[in-house]
Amino acid sequence: MSFVTDIQLMMHGFGDCRKPLRETAAVIESIVHQQMTVFLHQATDIAEQRGQRVVGPEDILFVMRRDPLKLQRLVHYMGVRDLYQKTRASTSTPSTGDPSETPGEVATPPEVSRKKLCINFLQTIDQTGQYEPLYSSSIQDPVKAERISRLDSLTQGMSFQRYKEYCEARRASFCPRLRVNKFRDWLLGEENSDVKLTQLVLEMLNRLAYETVAQIVDLALLVKRDANGHNSDLSRFRTPTAFNPDYPCVFIHQSGSLQEIGSGDEHCIGMDPITPPEVREAMRRYWGNSSVLAPFSKIRSPISTKLLAA
């Protein structure tokens, strides 16, 4: 059971070359699986503290509570899913057992608003009003803006056929058409087979896994740009005492900007495939101890405290 092919499409959709390396997608898959497993364990612990045996959407949101920006992306996605559900319900007739209907998709009742459910829970834990702006998606999202700018540079000059192919890559996900069985089995495995997840929670985890791939590609492109002699903003993830033998040691200046990714020069970074060493280097820097006392510290922050999705 593997999502390597799907991740290759996602990588292209986020700015990698037309045919991303399969070995790179395999590395990313292992990272995403590890990250989502840790995330799910944290959500399961929260559910148990509430006295529940089934992980609910409130458990997912609670794990993400420290990052309003990522919460905003998830709440916005839930709103998009609501809109899609309403549109689909208004243009379709009730199920009559027609075999042409899409199998494997469990529809949420139209009266249930995913976005409203998320907002209601966030309001119960919001003691300072910090989450109010995200209800209307009014928190500035520089990462998303820079990602859009980079992809705009990537698609400029594409032929109709190439752009159509690129749009298909942008539609890739871990649950195409929300057929969640494969994703559930991949996520839980045999050791967590007794964990109960609702359809809504699987939709949320699907989106978070998708966002995790996006962030890994973002960081890998920064590493690639650094190797090409450009300043980058990845210096805050670099650990002076750590070393990656698969990647050349290059000094990074502090004055770089993420916006350099979308400049469009050199035919765009994404034209050269992201390699496994670049992904490993990006994650090494992300997980590294970046404090000023890092060279004198023997303590490393556990990976679980620096989840890409939370």
C-alpha atoms as a PDB file:
ATOM      1  CA  MET A   1       0.000   0.000   0.000  1.00  0.00           C
ATOM      2  CA  SER A   2       1.636   3.211  -1.151  1.00  0.00           C
ATOM      3  CA  PHE A   3       0.849   6.796  -2.138  1.00  0.00           C
ATOM      4  CA  VAL A   4       4.121   7.406  -3.984  1.00  0.00           C
ATOM      5  CA  THR A   5       2.420   8.017  -7.343  1.00  0.00           C
ATOM      6  CA  ASP A   6      -0.098  10.398  -5.773  1.00  0.00           C
ATOM      7  CA  ILE A   7       2.683  12.251  -3.954  1.00  0.00           C
ATOM      8  CA  GLN A   8       4.582  12.643  -7.228  1.00  0.00           C
ATOM      9  CA  LEU A   9       1.534  14.442  -8.641  1.00  0.00           C
ATOM     10  CA  MET A  10       1.268  16.602  -5.513  1.00  0.00           C
ATOM     11  CA  MET A  11       4.954  17.494  -5.752  1.00  0.00           C
ATOM     12  CA  HIS A  12       4.511  18.689  -9.324  1.00  0.00           C
ATOM     13  CA  GLY A  13       1.432  20.622  -8.273  1.00  0.00           C
ATOM     14  CA  PHE A  14       3.438  22.392  -5.549  1.00  0.00           C
ATOM     15  CA  GLY A  15       6.310  23.394  -7.826  1.00  0.00           C
ATOM     16  CA  ASP A  16       8.524  20.400  -8.529  1.00  0.00           C
ATOM     17  CA  CYS A  17       9.370  19.357 -12.084  1.00  0.00           C
ATOM     18  CA  ARG A  18       6.949  17.693 -14.476  1.00  0.00           C
ATOM     19  CA  LYS A  19       8.070  14.199 -13.456  1.00  0.00           C
ATOM     20  CA  PRO A  20       9.265  14.219  -9.826  1.00  0.00           C
ATOM     21  CA  LEU A  21      11.682  11.512  -8.755  1.00  0.00           C
ATOM     22  CA  ARG A  22       9.976   8.414  -7.424  1.00  0.00           C
ATOM     23  CA  GLU A  23      12.647   7.935  -4.756  1.00  0.00           C
ATOM     24  CA  THR A  24      12.041  11.488  -3.525  1.00  0.00           C
ATOM     25  CA  ALA A  25       8.306  10.843  -3.310  1.00  0.00           C
ATOM     26  CA  ALA A  26       9.052   7.698  -1.287  1.00  0.00           C
ATOM     27  CA  VAL A  27      11.102   9.725   1.204  1.00  0.00           C
ATOM     28  CA  ILE A  28       8.327  12.304   1.491  1.00  0.00           C
ATOM     29  CA  GLU A  29       5.747   9.549   1.988  1.00  0.00           C
ATOM     30  CA  SER A  30       7.716   8.154   4.931  1.00  0.00           C
ATOM     31  CA  ILE A  31       7.985  11.612   6.509  1.00  0.00           C
ATOM     32  CA  VAL A  32       4.292  12.347   6.032  1.00  0.00           C
ATOM     33  CA  HIS A  33       3.325   8.964   7.487  1.00  0.00           C
ATOM     34  CA  GLN A  34       5.529   9.542  10.534  1.00  0.00           C
ATOM     35  CA  GLN A  35       4.158  13.046  11.015  1.00  0.00           C
ATOM     36  CA  MET A  36       0.524  12.016  10.679  1.00  0.00           C
ATOM     37  CA  THR A  37       1.049   9.039  13.009  1.00  0.00           C
ATOM     38  CA  VAL A  38       2.423  11.326  15.723  1.00  0.00           C
ATOM     39  CA  PHE A  39      -0.411  13.794  15.065  1.00  0.00           C
ATOM     40  CA  LEU A  40      -3.010  11.032  15.362  1.00  0.00           C
ATOM     41  CA  HIS A  41      -1.478   9.767  18.610  1.00  0.00           C
ATOM     42  CA  GLN A  42      -1.778  13.250  20.093  1.00  0.00           C
ATOM     43  CA  ALA A  43      -5.403  13.528  18.936  1.00  0.00           C
ATOM     44  CA  THR A  44      -6.161  10.074  20.361  1.00  0.00           C
ATOM     45  CA  ASP A  45      -4.720  11.124  23.729  1.00  0.00           C
ATOM     46  CA  ILE A  46      -6.974  14.199  23.731  1.00  0.00           C
ATOM     47  CA  ALA A  47     -10.021  12.058  22.915  1.00  0.00           C
ATOM     48  CA  GLU A  48      -9.198   9.689  25.784  1.00  0.00           C
ATOM     49  CA  GLN A  49      -8.889  12.622  28.178  1.00  0.00           C
ATOM     50  CA  ARG A  50     -12.405  13.622  27.115  1.00  0.00           C
ATOM     51  CA  GLY A  51     -13.577  10.092  27.841  1.00  0.00           C
ATOM     52  CA  GLN A  52     -14.229   9.328  24.174  1.00  0.00           C
ATOM     53  CA  ARG A  53     -13.138   6.264  22.222  1.00  0.00           C
ATOM     54  CA  VAL A  54     -13.631   7.892  18.835  1.00  0.00           C
ATOM     55  CA  VAL A  55     -11.358  10.699  17.643  1.00  0.00           C
ATOM     56  CA  GLY A  56     -13.497  13.713  16.758  1.00  0.00           C
ATOM     57  CA  PRO A  57     -12.847  16.941  14.833  1.00  0.00           C
ATOM     58  CA  GLU A  58     -12.493  18.835  18.117  1.00  0.00           C
ATOM     59  CA  ASP A  59      -9.478  16.659  18.966  1.00  0.00           C
ATOM     60  CA  ILE A  60      -7.820  17.560  15.651  1.00  0.00           C
ATOM     61  CA  LEU A  61      -8.482  21.255  16.209  1.00  0.00           C
ATOM     62  CA  PHE A  62      -7.195  21.130  19.780  1.00  0.00           C
ATOM     63  CA  VAL A  63      -3.868  19.650  18.670  1.00  0.00           C
ATOM     64  CA  MET A  64      -3.573  22.524  16.162  1.00  0.00           C
ATOM     65  CA  ARG A  65      -4.671  25.238  18.585  1.00  0.00           C
ATOM     66  CA  ARG A  66      -1.239  26.904  18.834  1.00  0.00           C
ATOM     67  CA  ASP A  67      -1.097  27.831  15.131  1.00  0.00           C
ATOM     68  CA  PRO A  68      -4.029  30.067  14.063  1.00  0.00           C
ATOM     69  CA  LEU A  69      -2.670  30.282  10.511  1.00  0.00           C
ATOM     70  CA  LYS A  70      -2.847  26.543   9.923  1.00  0.00           C
ATOM     71  CA  LEU A  71      -6.192  26.441  11.683  1.00  0.00           C
ATOM     72  CA  GLN A  72      -7.444  29.071   9.257  1.00  0.00           C
ATOM     73  CA  ARG A  73      -6.396  26.950   6.270  1.00  0.00           C
ATOM     74  CA  LEU A  74      -8.217  23.931   7.676  1.00  0.00           C
ATOM     75  CA  VAL A  75     -11.371  25.889   8.541  1.00  0.00           C
ATOM     76  CA  HIS A  76     -11.361  27.422   5.053  1.00  0.00           C
ATOM     77  CA  TYR A  77     -11.057  23.949   3.526  1.00  0.00           C
ATOM     78  CA  MET A  78     -14.007  22.779   5.602  1.00  0.00           C
ATOM     79  CA  GLY A  79     -15.994  25.696   4.190  1.00  0.00           C
ATOM     80  CA  VAL A  80     -15.023  24.662   0.655  1.00  0.00           C
ATOM     81  CA  ARG A  81     -16.175  21.122   1.404  1.00  0.00           C
ATOM     82  CA  ASP A  82     -19.506  22.500   2.655  1.00  0.00           C
ATOM     83  CA  LEU A  83     -19.932  24.483  -0.561  1.00  0.00           C
ATOM     84  CA  TYR A  84     -19.111  21.446  -2.663  1.00  0.00           C
ATOM     85  CA  GLN A  85     -21.601  19.335  -0.707  1.00  0.00           C
ATOM     86  CA  LYS A  86     -24.377  21.901  -1.157  1.00  0.00           C
ATOM     87  CA  THR A  87     -23.672  22.249  -4.877  1.00  0.00           C
ATOM     88  CA  ARG A  88     -23.612  18.493  -5.361  1.00  0.00           C
ATOM     89  CA  ALA A  89     -26.845  18.064  -3.410  1.00  0.00           C
ATOM     90  CA  SER A  90     -28.620  20.758  -5.429  1.00  0.00           C
ATOM     91  CA  THR A  91     -27.651  19.230  -8.785  1.00  0.00           C
ATOM     92  CA  SER A  92     -28.252  15.567  -7.992  1.00  0.00           C
ATOM     93  CA  THR A  93     -31.290  13.457  -7.242  1.00  0.00           C
ATOM     94  CA  PRO A  94     -31.670  11.156  -4.222  1.00  0.00           C
ATOM     95  CA  SER A  95     -29.861   7.847  -4.483  1.00  0.00           C
ATOM     96  CA  THR A  96     -31.871   5.144  -6.240  1.00  0.00           C
ATOM     97  CA  GLY A  97     -29.282   2.402  -6.234  1.00  0.00           C
ATOM     98  CA  ASP A  98     -27.990   3.412  -9.662  1.00  0.00           C
ATOM     99  CA  PRO A  99     -24.685   1.541 -10.227  1.00  0.00           C
ATOM    100  CA  SER A 100     -23.305   4.650 -11.971  1.00  0.00           C
ATOM    101  CA  GLU A 101     -23.156   6.426  -8.612  1.00  0.00           C
ATOM    102  CA  THR A 102     -19.645   6.803  -7.201  1.00  0.00           C
ATOM    103  CA  PRO A 103     -18.848   3.979  -4.758  1.00  0.00           C
ATOM    104  CA  GLY A 104     -16.862   4.436  -1.590  1.00  0.00           C
ATOM    105  CA  GLU A 105     -17.877   8.039  -0.924  1.00  0.00           C
ATOM    106  CA  VAL A 106     -19.765   8.572   2.295  1.00  0.00           C
ATOM    107  CA  ALA A 107     -21.583  11.893   2.048  1.00  0.00           C
ATOM    108  CA  THR A 108     -22.083  14.100   5.079  1.00  0.00           C
ATOM    109  CA  PRO A 109     -25.719  15.159   5.470  1.00  0.00           C
ATOM    110  CA  PRO A 110     -26.286  18.561   3.810  1.00  0.00           C
ATOM    111  CA  GLU A 111     -27.542  20.141   7.054  1.00  0.00           C
ATOM    112  CA  VAL A 112     -24.217  19.495   8.789  1.00  0.00           C
ATOM    113  CA  SER A 113     -21.809  22.396   8.317  1.00  0.00           C
ATOM    114  CA  ARG A 114     -18.216  21.309   8.726  1.00  0.00           C
ATOM    115  CA  LYS A 115     -16.991  24.881   9.005  1.00  0.00           C
ATOM    116  CA  LYS A 116     -19.628  25.824  11.574  1.00  0.00           C
ATOM    117  CA  LEU A 117     -18.750  22.777  13.661  1.00  0.00           C
ATOM    118  CA  CYS A 118     -15.081  23.837  13.694  1.00  0.00           C
ATOM    119  CA  ILE A 119     -15.916  27.446  14.547  1.00  0.00           C
ATOM    120  CA  ASN A 120     -18.243  26.429  17.375  1.00  0.00           C
ATOM    121  CA  PHE A 121     -15.502  24.385  19.016  1.00  0.00           C
ATOM    122  CA  LEU A 122     -12.821  27.059  18.573  1.00  0.00           C
ATOM    123  CA  GLN A 123     -15.151  29.583  20.208  1.00  0.00           C
ATOM    124  CA  THR A 124     -15.402  27.355  23.280  1.00  0.00           C
ATOM    125  CA  ILE A 125     -11.613  27.372  23.793  1.00  0.00           C
ATOM    126  CA  ASP A 126     -11.001  30.959  22.664  1.00  0.00           C
ATOM    127  CA  GLN A 127     -10.384  32.932  25.851  1.00  0.00           C
ATOM    128  CA  THR A 128      -8.647  35.956  24.275  1.00  0.00           C
ATOM    129  CA  GLY A 129     -10.325  36.335  20.882  1.00  0.00           C
ATOM    130  CA  GLN A 130      -7.222  35.138  19.042  1.00  0.00           C
ATOM    131  CA  TYR A 131      -9.237  32.898  16.724  1.00  0.00           C
ATOM    132  CA  GLU A 132     -11.852  35.448  15.644  1.00  0.00           C
ATOM    133  CA  PRO A 133      -9.975  36.624  12.497  1.00  0.00           C
ATOM    134  CA  LEU A 134      -9.639  33.098  11.145  1.00  0.00           C
ATOM    135  CA  TYR A 135     -13.420  32.647  10.978  1.00  0.00           C
ATOM    136  CA  SER A 136     -13.448  35.020   8.012  1.00  0.00           C
ATOM    137  CA  SER A 137     -10.003  33.994   6.683  1.00  0.00           C
ATOM    138  CA  SER A 138      -8.632  37.444   7.465  1.00  0.00           C
ATOM    139  CA  ILE A 139      -5.287  36.360   8.942  1.00  0.00           C
ATOM    140  CA  GLN A 140      -2.525  37.200   6.490  1.00  0.00           C
ATOM    141  CA  ASP A 141      -0.983  34.001   5.146  1.00  0.00           C
ATOM    142  CA  PRO A 142       2.469  34.833   3.695  1.00  0.00           C
ATOM    143  CA  VAL A 143       3.349  31.186   3.051  1.00  0.00           C
ATOM    144  CA  LYS A 144       0.236  30.661   0.940  1.00  0.00           C
ATOM    145  CA  ALA A 145       0.799  33.958  -0.891  1.00  0.00           C
ATOM    146  CA  GLU A 146       4.381  33.021  -1.739  1.00  0.00           C
ATOM    147  CA  ARG A 147       3.280  29.557  -2.836  1.00  0.00           C
ATOM    148  CA  ILE A 148       0.721  31.092  -5.191  1.00  0.00           C
ATOM    149  CA  SER A 149       3.346  33.461  -6.569  1.00  0.00           C
ATOM    150  CA  ARG A 150       5.734  30.584  -7.219  1.00  0.00           C
ATOM    151  CA  LEU A 151       3.078  28.506  -8.956  1.00  0.00           C
ATOM    152  CA  ASP A 152       2.045  31.496 -11.062  1.00  0.00           C
ATOM    153  CA  SER A 153       5.637  31.758 -12.295  1.00  0.00           C
ATOM    154  CA  LEU A 154       5.678  28.028 -12.948  1.00  0.00           C
ATOM    155  CA  THR A 155       2.541  28.030 -15.111  1.00  0.00           C
ATOM    156  CA  GLN A 156       3.377  31.072 -17.202  1.00  0.00           C
ATOM    157  CA  GLY A 157       3.996  30.046 -20.792  1.00  0.00           C
ATOM    158  CA  MET A 158       2.485  26.580 -20.424  1.00  0.00           C
ATOM    159  CA  SER A 159       0.619  25.211 -23.408  1.00  0.00           C
ATOM    160  CA  PHE A 160      -3.029  24.278 -22.994  1.00  0.00           C
ATOM    161  CA  GLN A 161      -2.167  20.583 -22.818  1.00  0.00           C
ATOM    162  CA  ARG A 162       0.609  21.149 -20.266  1.00  0.00           C
ATOM    163  CA  TYR A 163      -1.644  23.346 -18.145  1.00  0.00           C
ATOM    164  CA  LYS A 164      -4.387  20.732 -18.252  1.00  0.00           C
ATOM    165  CA  GLU A 165      -1.872  18.132 -17.083  1.00  0.00           C
ATOM    166  CA  TYR A 166      -0.727  20.475 -14.326  1.00  0.00           C
ATOM    167  CA  CYS A 167      -4.318  21.028 -13.153  1.00  0.00           C
ATOM    168  CA  GLU A 168      -4.742  17.264 -12.852  1.00  0.00           C
ATOM    169  CA  ALA A 169      -1.650  17.203 -10.632  1.00  0.00           C
ATOM    170  CA  ARG A 170      -3.155  19.968  -8.490  1.00  0.00           C
ATOM    171  CA  ARG A 171      -6.214  17.792  -7.879  1.00  0.00           C
ATOM    172  CA  ALA A 172      -4.183  14.922  -6.430  1.00  0.00           C
ATOM    173  CA  SER A 173      -4.692  14.034  -2.775  1.00  0.00           C
ATOM    174  CA  PHE A 174      -4.517  11.119  -0.361  1.00  0.00           C
ATOM    175  CA  CYS A 175      -8.277  10.584  -0.693  1.00  0.00           C
ATOM    176  CA  PRO A 176      -9.288  11.156  -4.320  1.00  0.00           C
ATOM    177  CA  ARG A 177     -13.044  11.698  -4.405  1.00  0.00           C
ATOM    178  CA  LEU A 178     -12.881  11.103  -0.631  1.00  0.00           C
ATOM    179  CA  ARG A 179     -12.488   7.350  -0.973  1.00  0.00           C
ATOM    180  CA  VAL A 180     -10.966   7.028   2.463  1.00  0.00           C
ATOM    181  CA  ASN A 181     -10.474   3.281   2.917  1.00  0.00           C
ATOM    182  CA  LYS A 182      -6.948   3.169   1.486  1.00  0.00           C
ATOM    183  CA  PHE A 183      -5.938   6.305   3.363  1.00  0.00           C
ATOM    184  CA  ARG A 184      -7.357   4.939   6.636  1.00  0.00           C
ATOM    185  CA  ASP A 185      -5.477   1.645   6.257  1.00  0.00           C
ATOM    186  CA  TRP A 186      -2.241   3.448   5.324  1.00  0.00           C
ATOM    187  CA  LEU A 187      -2.564   5.844   8.233  1.00  0.00           C
ATOM    188  CA  LEU A 188      -3.518   3.402  10.959  1.00  0.00           C
ATOM    189  CA  GLY A 189      -1.672   0.235   9.994  1.00  0.00           C
ATOM    190  CA  GLU A 190      -2.002  -2.931  12.023  1.00  0.00           C
ATOM    191  CA  GLU A 191      -0.795  -1.416  15.312  1.00  0.00           C
ATOM    192  CA  ASN A 192      -3.583   1.203  15.398  1.00  0.00           C
ATOM    193  CA  SER A 193      -6.344  -0.839  13.796  1.00  0.00           C
ATOM    194  CA  ASP A 194      -8.566  -0.367  16.854  1.00  0.00           C
ATOM    195  CA  VAL A 195      -8.568   3.452  16.540  1.00  0.00           C
ATOM    196  CA  LYS A 196     -11.959   4.750  15.414  1.00  0.00           C
ATOM    197  CA  LEU A 197     -12.061   7.689  12.996  1.00  0.00           C
ATOM    198  CA  THR A 198     -15.145   9.401  11.629  1.00  0.00           C
ATOM    199  CA  GLN A 199     -15.544  10.411   7.986  1.00  0.00           C
ATOM    200  CA  LEU A 200     -15.116  14.072   8.916  1.00  0.00           C
ATOM    201  CA  VAL A 201     -11.884  13.379  10.819  1.00  0.00           C
ATOM    202  CA  LEU A 202     -10.511  11.455   7.838  1.00  0.00           C
ATOM    203  CA  GLU A 203     -11.332  14.440   5.609  1.00  0.00           C
ATOM    204  CA  MET A 204      -9.391  16.691   7.977  1.00  0.00           C
ATOM    205  CA  LEU A 205      -6.422  14.317   8.214  1.00  0.00           C
ATOM    206  CA  ASN A 206      -6.407  13.987   4.427  1.00  0.00           C
ATOM    207  CA  ARG A 207      -6.076  17.757   4.127  1.00  0.00           C
ATOM    208  CA  LEU A 208      -3.373  17.943   6.794  1.00  0.00           C
ATOM    209  CA  ALA A 209      -1.352  15.223   5.048  1.00  0.00           C
ATOM    210  CA  TYR A 210      -1.723  17.177   1.800  1.00  0.00           C
ATOM    211  CA  GLU A 211      -0.522  20.373   3.540  1.00  0.00           C
ATOM    212  CA  THR A 212       2.418  18.456   4.998  1.00  0.00           C
ATOM    213  CA  VAL A 213       3.553  17.473   1.495  1.00  0.00           C
ATOM    214  CA  ALA A 214       3.241  21.134   0.470  1.00  0.00           C
ATOM    215  CA  GLN A 215       5.420  22.304   3.349  1.00  0.00           C
ATOM    216  CA  ILE A 216       8.084  19.677   2.666  1.00  0.00           C
ATOM    217  CA  VAL A 217       8.240  20.769  -0.976  1.00  0.00           C
ATOM    218  CA  ASP A 218       8.460  24.426   0.128  1.00  0.00           C
ATOM    219  CA  LEU A 219      11.412  23.663   2.404  1.00  0.00           C
ATOM    220  CA  ALA A 220      13.141  21.464  -0.185  1.00  0.00           C
ATOM    221  CA  LEU A 221      12.881  24.248  -2.778  1.00  0.00           C
ATOM    222  CA  LEU A 222      14.507  26.611  -0.286  1.00  0.00           C
ATOM    223  CA  VAL A 223      17.377  24.159   0.138  1.00  0.00           C
ATOM    224  CA  LYS A 224      17.686  23.851  -3.639  1.00  0.00           C
ATOM    225  CA  ARG A 225      17.786  27.621  -3.997  1.00  0.00           C
ATOM    226  CA  ASP A 226      20.439  27.856  -1.292  1.00  0.00           C
ATOM    227  CA  ALA A 227      22.588  25.285  -3.124  1.00  0.00           C
ATOM    228  CA  ASN A 228      22.298  27.388  -6.291  1.00  0.00           C
ATOM    229  CA  GLY A 229      23.912  30.312  -4.509  1.00  0.00           C
ATOM    230  CA  HIS A 230      20.807  32.288  -3.540  1.00  0.00           C
ATOM    231  CA  ASN A 231      20.043  33.561  -0.067  1.00  0.00           C
ATOM    232  CA  SER A 232      17.140  31.874   1.642  1.00  0.00           C
ATOM    233  CA  ASP A 233      15.139  32.169   4.814  1.00  0.00           C
ATOM    234  CA  LEU A 234      15.877  28.607   5.912  1.00  0.00           C
ATOM    235  CA  SER A 235      18.743  29.699   8.167  1.00  0.00           C
ATOM    236  CA  ARG A 236      16.486  29.652  11.202  1.00  0.00           C
ATOM    237  CA  PHE A 237      16.130  25.884  10.753  1.00  0.00           C
ATOM    238  CA  ARG A 238      19.862  25.223  10.526  1.00  0.00           C
ATOM    239  CA  THR A 239      21.711  23.621  13.439  1.00  0.00           C
ATOM    240  CA  PRO A 240      25.433  24.526  13.669  1.00  0.00           C
ATOM    241  CA  THR A 241      26.283  21.273  15.464  1.00  0.00           C
ATOM    242  CA  ALA A 242      24.482  18.968  13.018  1.00  0.00           C
ATOM    243  CA  PHE A 243      25.748  17.780   9.651  1.00  0.00           C
ATOM    244  CA  ASN A 244      24.158  15.968   6.760  1.00  0.00           C
ATOM    245  CA  PRO A 245      26.803  13.988   4.809  1.00  0.00           C
ATOM    246  CA  ASP A 246      24.467  13.683   1.800  1.00  0.00           C
ATOM    247  CA  TYR A 247      24.252  17.430   1.326  1.00  0.00           C
ATOM    248  CA  PRO A 248      27.000  20.044   0.755  1.00  0.00           C
ATOM    249  CA  CYS A 249      27.613  22.352   3.702  1.00  0.00           C
ATOM    250  CA  VAL A 250      26.790  25.890   2.560  1.00  0.00           C
ATOM    251  CA  PHE A 251      26.662  28.973   4.748  1.00  0.00           C
ATOM    252  CA  ILE A 252      23.271  30.720   4.718  1.00  0.00           C
ATOM    253  CA  HIS A 253      22.948  34.466   5.155  1.00  0.00           C
ATOM    254  CA  GLN A 254      20.262  35.898   7.457  1.00  0.00           C
ATOM    255  CA  SER A 255      18.943  38.479   4.961  1.00  0.00           C
ATOM    256  CA  GLY A 256      17.178  36.130   2.551  1.00  0.00           C
ATOM    257  CA  SER A 257      13.482  36.082   1.737  1.00  0.00           C
ATOM    258  CA  LEU A 258      11.034  33.303   0.884  1.00  0.00           C
ATOM    259  CA  GLN A 259       9.790  35.440  -1.989  1.00  0.00           C
ATOM    260  CA  GLU A 260      12.955  34.667  -3.928  1.00  0.00           C
ATOM    261  CA  ILE A 261      11.409  31.291  -4.767  1.00  0.00           C
ATOM    262  CA  GLY A 262       8.835  32.873  -7.030  1.00  0.00           C
ATOM    263  CA  SER A 263      11.180  35.175  -8.929  1.00  0.00           C
ATOM    264  CA  GLY A 264      10.971  33.037 -12.072  1.00  0.00           C
ATOM    265  CA  ASP A 265      14.674  33.278 -12.915  1.00  0.00           C
ATOM    266  CA  GLU A 266      16.649  30.267 -14.194  1.00  0.00           C
ATOM    267  CA  HIS A 267      13.387  28.901 -15.630  1.00  0.00           C
ATOM    268  CA  CYS A 268      12.098  28.375 -12.068  1.00  0.00           C
ATOM    269  CA  ILE A 269      13.644  26.091  -9.460  1.00  0.00           C
ATOM    270  CA  GLY A 270      10.953  23.466  -9.938  1.00  0.00           C
ATOM    271  CA  MET A 271      12.328  22.553 -13.375  1.00  0.00           C
ATOM    272  CA  ASP A 272      15.098  20.543 -11.669  1.00  0.00           C
ATOM    273  CA  PRO A 273      13.696  17.588  -9.708  1.00  0.00           C
ATOM    274  CA  ILE A 274      13.868  17.680  -5.939  1.00  0.00           C
ATOM    275  CA  THR A 275      16.232  14.971  -4.724  1.00  0.00           C
ATOM    276  CA  PRO A 276      16.078  12.821  -1.573  1.00  0.00           C
ATOM    277  CA  PRO A 277      19.197  14.503  -0.044  1.00  0.00           C
ATOM    278  CA  GLU A 278      17.497  17.897  -0.456  1.00  0.00           C
ATOM    279  CA  VAL A 279      14.400  16.659   1.356  1.00  0.00           C
ATOM    280  CA  ARG A 280      16.491  15.166   4.150  1.00  0.00           C
ATOM    281  CA  GLU A 281      18.509  18.363   4.458  1.00  0.00           C
ATOM    282  CA  ALA A 282      15.351  20.473   4.606  1.00  0.00           C
ATOM    283  CA  MET A 283      13.919  18.345   7.386  1.00  0.00           C
ATOM    284  CA  ARG A 284      17.233  18.255   9.257  1.00  0.00           C
ATOM    285  CA  ARG A 285      17.225  22.032   9.330  1.00  0.00           C
ATOM    286  CA  TYR A 286      13.555  22.199  10.264  1.00  0.00           C
ATOM    287  CA  TRP A 287      13.914  19.771  13.150  1.00  0.00           C
ATOM    288  CA  GLY A 288      17.275  21.127  14.263  1.00  0.00           C
ATOM    289  CA  ASN A 289      17.792  23.129  17.440  1.00  0.00           C
ATOM    290  CA  SER A 290      18.016  26.695  16.073  1.00  0.00           C
ATOM    291  CA  SER A 291      18.475  28.518  19.393  1.00  0.00           C
ATOM    292  CA  VAL A 292      21.531  30.702  19.971  1.00  0.00           C
ATOM    293  CA  LEU A 293      22.780  28.160  22.521  1.00  0.00           C
ATOM    294  CA  ALA A 294      22.432  25.231  20.116  1.00  0.00           C
ATOM    295  CA  PRO A 295      26.214  24.622  19.804  1.00  0.00           C
ATOM    296  CA  PHE A 296      26.399  24.122  23.582  1.00  0.00           C
ATOM    297  CA  SER A 297      23.265  22.054  24.012  1.00  0.00           C
ATOM    298  CA  LYS A 298      23.021  18.282  24.131  1.00  0.00           C
ATOM    299  CA  ILE A 299      19.240  18.346  24.198  1.00  0.00           C
ATOM    300  CA  ARG A 300      17.327  18.085  20.952  1.00  0.00           C
ATOM    301  CA  SER A 301      13.643  18.876  20.684  1.00  0.00           C
ATOM    302  CA  PRO A 302      11.688  15.717  19.886  1.00  0.00           C
ATOM    303  CA  ILE A 303      10.200  15.556  16.393  1.00  0.00           C
ATOM    304  CA  SER A 304       6.700  15.368  17.880  1.00  0.00           C
ATOM    305  CA  THR A 305       7.018  18.934  19.176  1.00  0.00           C
ATOM    306  CA  LYS A 306       7.633  20.303  15.667  1.00  0.00           C
ATOM    307  CA  LEU A 307       4.845  18.825  13.604  1.00  0.00           C
ATOM    308  CA  LEU A 308       4.553  20.265  10.111  1.00  0.00           C
ATOM    309  CA  ALA A 309       0.757  20.079  10.279  1.00  0.00           C
ATOM    310  CA  ALA A 310       0.257  21.674  13.721  1.00  0.00           C
END
